[in-house]
Amino acid sequence: MESTAPPTPVPLKPEMGVKASSRAYFDWCGDATDPTKEVTDPSGVTYTLQIASDAGFSTIVLEKEGLTESEYTITKEEKLEATKKEAPYYWHVKAIDNASNGSDWSGAGTFYVGFTFAMPQWALYTLLGLGTLLLALLGFWLGRKTAYY
């Protein structure tokens, strides 16, 4: 059985300090000079992704093990809470080969999740309809008022 760990992944997205969606997209590669190059190992590779609320990763918010792709999008059920830019989320990833050799954790990336307001589509159309109706009534009223002068 081999004992050489795969290379340490390089975090790509989300970029350092950016505002991300509550369903953030994570991407990493195997070479900082070539973002298209994957982490490879003769026995195969899976990844572990961790997201924490502190730089020391003592408070893990989400951990995904056994990822077979070098990317991950947070699901609707896993979506992250909004945070301030001054209190970001931290994330890192490591590669594990099929002989159970693990790379070092990648350097930690940071990002924050801003407040997002999601209005149901029906409510948006209702508000647009009411706005149009109010503008039409205002136009009618102004037209009648100026017709008498």
Protein backbone atom coordinates (compact mmCIF):
# COMPACT_ATOMS: atom_id res chain seq x y z
CA MET A 1 0.00 0.00 0.00
CA GLU A 2 1.30 3.44 -0.90
CA SER A 3 2.03 6.02 1.79
CA THR A 4 2.40 9.24 -0.20
CA ALA A 5 -0.30 11.84 0.46
CA PRO A 6 -1.84 13.70 -2.48
CA PRO A 7 -0.91 17.36 -3.03
CA THR A 8 -2.60 20.02 -0.90
CA PRO A 9 -5.54 21.63 -2.74
CA VAL A 10 -5.48 25.34 -3.58
CA PRO A 11 -8.68 27.29 -2.75
CA LEU A 12 -10.12 29.28 -5.68
CA LYS A 13 -13.70 30.32 -4.90
CA PRO A 14 -15.11 32.10 -3.08
CA GLU A 15 -12.24 34.53 -3.29
CA MET A 16 -10.76 35.99 -0.12
CA GLY A 17 -13.08 38.41 1.68
CA VAL A 18 -15.88 38.52 -0.91
CA LYS A 19 -19.62 38.54 -0.31
CA ALA A 20 -21.08 35.14 -1.20
CA SER A 21 -24.56 33.73 -1.49
CA SER A 22 -26.05 31.77 1.42
CA ARG A 23 -25.72 28.84 -0.99
CA ALA A 24 -22.08 29.58 -1.73
CA TYR A 25 -20.07 27.87 -4.48
CA PHE A 26 -16.65 26.45 -3.56
CA ASP A 27 -13.95 25.54 -6.04
CA TRP A 28 -10.36 24.39 -5.61
CA CYS A 29 -7.56 22.98 -7.74
CA GLY A 30 -4.30 21.11 -7.45
CA ASP A 31 -1.89 23.78 -8.67
CA ALA A 32 -1.84 27.51 -7.89
CA THR A 33 -0.25 28.29 -11.26
CA ASP A 34 -2.83 26.29 -13.23
CA PRO A 35 -6.41 26.51 -11.86
CA THR A 36 -7.57 23.84 -14.33
CA LYS A 37 -5.22 21.22 -12.89
CA GLU A 38 -6.92 18.80 -10.49
CA VAL A 39 -5.39 17.12 -7.46
CA THR A 40 -4.37 13.68 -8.67
CA ASP A 41 -3.19 10.46 -7.07
CA PRO A 42 -2.75 7.00 -8.63
CA SER A 43 -5.24 5.50 -6.16
CA GLY A 44 -7.89 8.22 -6.64
CA VAL A 45 -8.82 11.27 -4.58
CA THR A 46 -11.75 12.50 -2.50
CA TYR A 47 -11.99 15.79 -0.62
CA THR A 48 -13.11 17.08 2.76
CA LEU A 49 -14.45 20.63 2.89
CA GLN A 50 -14.87 22.48 6.17
CA ILE A 51 -16.57 25.83 6.81
CA ALA A 52 -16.15 27.43 10.22
CA SER A 53 -17.13 30.60 12.01
CA ASP A 54 -13.63 31.09 13.45
CA ALA A 55 -10.10 31.11 12.06
CA GLY A 56 -9.03 28.16 14.24
CA PHE A 57 -11.83 25.93 12.88
CA SER A 58 -13.01 25.08 16.39
CA THR A 59 -16.62 25.93 15.46
CA ILE A 60 -17.36 23.97 12.30
CA VAL A 61 -20.53 25.20 10.58
CA LEU A 62 -20.47 22.63 7.76
CA GLU A 63 -18.26 19.66 6.95
CA LYS A 64 -18.56 17.65 3.74
CA GLU A 65 -16.49 14.47 3.48
CA GLY A 66 -15.99 12.14 0.54
CA LEU A 67 -16.51 14.78 -2.16
CA THR A 68 -15.44 13.34 -5.50
CA GLU A 69 -15.35 16.65 -7.41
CA SER A 70 -13.06 19.64 -6.78
CA GLU A 71 -16.08 21.90 -6.26
CA TYR A 72 -19.15 22.06 -4.08
CA THR A 73 -22.30 24.20 -3.91
CA ILE A 74 -24.12 24.49 -0.61
CA THR A 75 -27.60 22.98 -0.80
CA LYS A 76 -30.83 24.72 0.13
CA GLU A 77 -30.95 22.72 3.38
CA GLU A 78 -27.37 23.68 4.29
CA LYS A 79 -27.58 27.39 3.43
CA LEU A 80 -25.48 29.67 5.59
CA GLU A 81 -26.69 32.40 7.93
CA ALA A 82 -25.90 36.03 7.09
CA THR A 83 -22.68 37.36 8.63
CA LYS A 84 -20.92 40.69 8.82
CA LYS A 85 -17.80 41.38 6.80
CA GLU A 86 -15.96 41.81 10.10
CA ALA A 87 -17.00 38.29 11.23
CA PRO A 88 -16.54 36.14 8.11
CA TYR A 89 -16.81 32.44 7.51
CA TYR A 90 -13.54 30.52 7.02
CA TRP A 91 -13.12 27.56 4.72
CA HIS A 92 -10.45 25.07 3.81
CA VAL A 93 -10.20 21.75 2.01
CA LYS A 94 -7.94 18.71 1.99
CA ALA A 95 -7.43 15.80 -0.38
CA ILE A 96 -7.51 12.16 0.73
CA ASP A 97 -6.41 9.33 -1.52
CA ASN A 98 -8.00 5.87 -1.58
CA ALA A 99 -5.12 4.53 0.54
CA SER A 100 -6.35 6.94 3.30
CA ASN A 101 -3.37 9.29 3.02
CA GLY A 102 -4.49 12.86 3.64
CA SER A 103 -2.90 16.05 2.38
CA ASP A 104 -2.42 19.05 4.61
CA TRP A 105 -5.38 21.40 4.89
CA SER A 106 -5.30 24.16 2.32
CA GLY A 107 -4.83 27.72 3.44
CA ALA A 108 -8.02 29.17 4.86
CA GLY A 109 -10.18 31.37 2.67
CA THR A 110 -12.67 33.87 4.08
CA PHE A 111 -16.03 35.12 2.86
CA TYR A 112 -19.19 36.59 4.30
CA VAL A 113 -22.85 36.13 3.53
CA GLY A 114 -24.88 39.29 3.19
CA PHE A 115 -28.55 39.61 3.99
CA THR A 116 -30.67 38.36 1.12
CA PHE A 117 -34.35 39.08 0.71
CA ALA A 118 -36.22 36.63 -1.46
CA MET A 119 -39.68 37.76 -2.49
CA PRO A 120 -42.04 35.15 -3.92
CA GLN A 121 -42.70 35.71 -7.61
CA TRP A 122 -46.44 36.11 -7.07
CA ALA A 123 -45.82 38.94 -4.57
CA LEU A 124 -43.54 40.73 -7.03
CA TYR A 125 -46.17 40.54 -9.79
CA THR A 126 -48.88 41.73 -7.37
CA LEU A 127 -46.80 44.77 -6.39
CA LEU A 128 -46.05 45.57 -10.04
CA GLY A 129 -49.76 45.31 -10.88
CA LEU A 130 -50.76 47.59 -8.00
CA GLY A 131 -48.10 50.11 -8.97
CA THR A 132 -49.34 50.15 -12.55
CA LEU A 133 -52.94 50.58 -11.38
CA LEU A 134 -51.97 53.49 -9.10
CA LEU A 135 -50.07 55.20 -11.93
CA ALA A 136 -53.07 54.78 -14.24
CA LEU A 137 -55.43 56.26 -11.63
CA LEU A 138 -53.04 59.16 -11.02
CA GLY A 139 -52.83 59.83 -14.76
CA PHE A 140 -56.63 59.71 -15.10
CA TRP A 141 -57.09 62.08 -12.16
CA LEU A 142 -54.51 64.56 -13.47
CA GLY A 143 -56.04 64.39 -16.95
CA ARG A 144 -59.52 65.22 -15.64
CA LYS A 145 -58.18 67.98 -13.41
CA THR A 146 -56.33 69.72 -16.23
CA ALA A 147 -59.27 69.31 -18.63
CA TYR A 148 -61.35 71.76 -16.55
CA TYR A 149 -58.80 74.56 -16.83
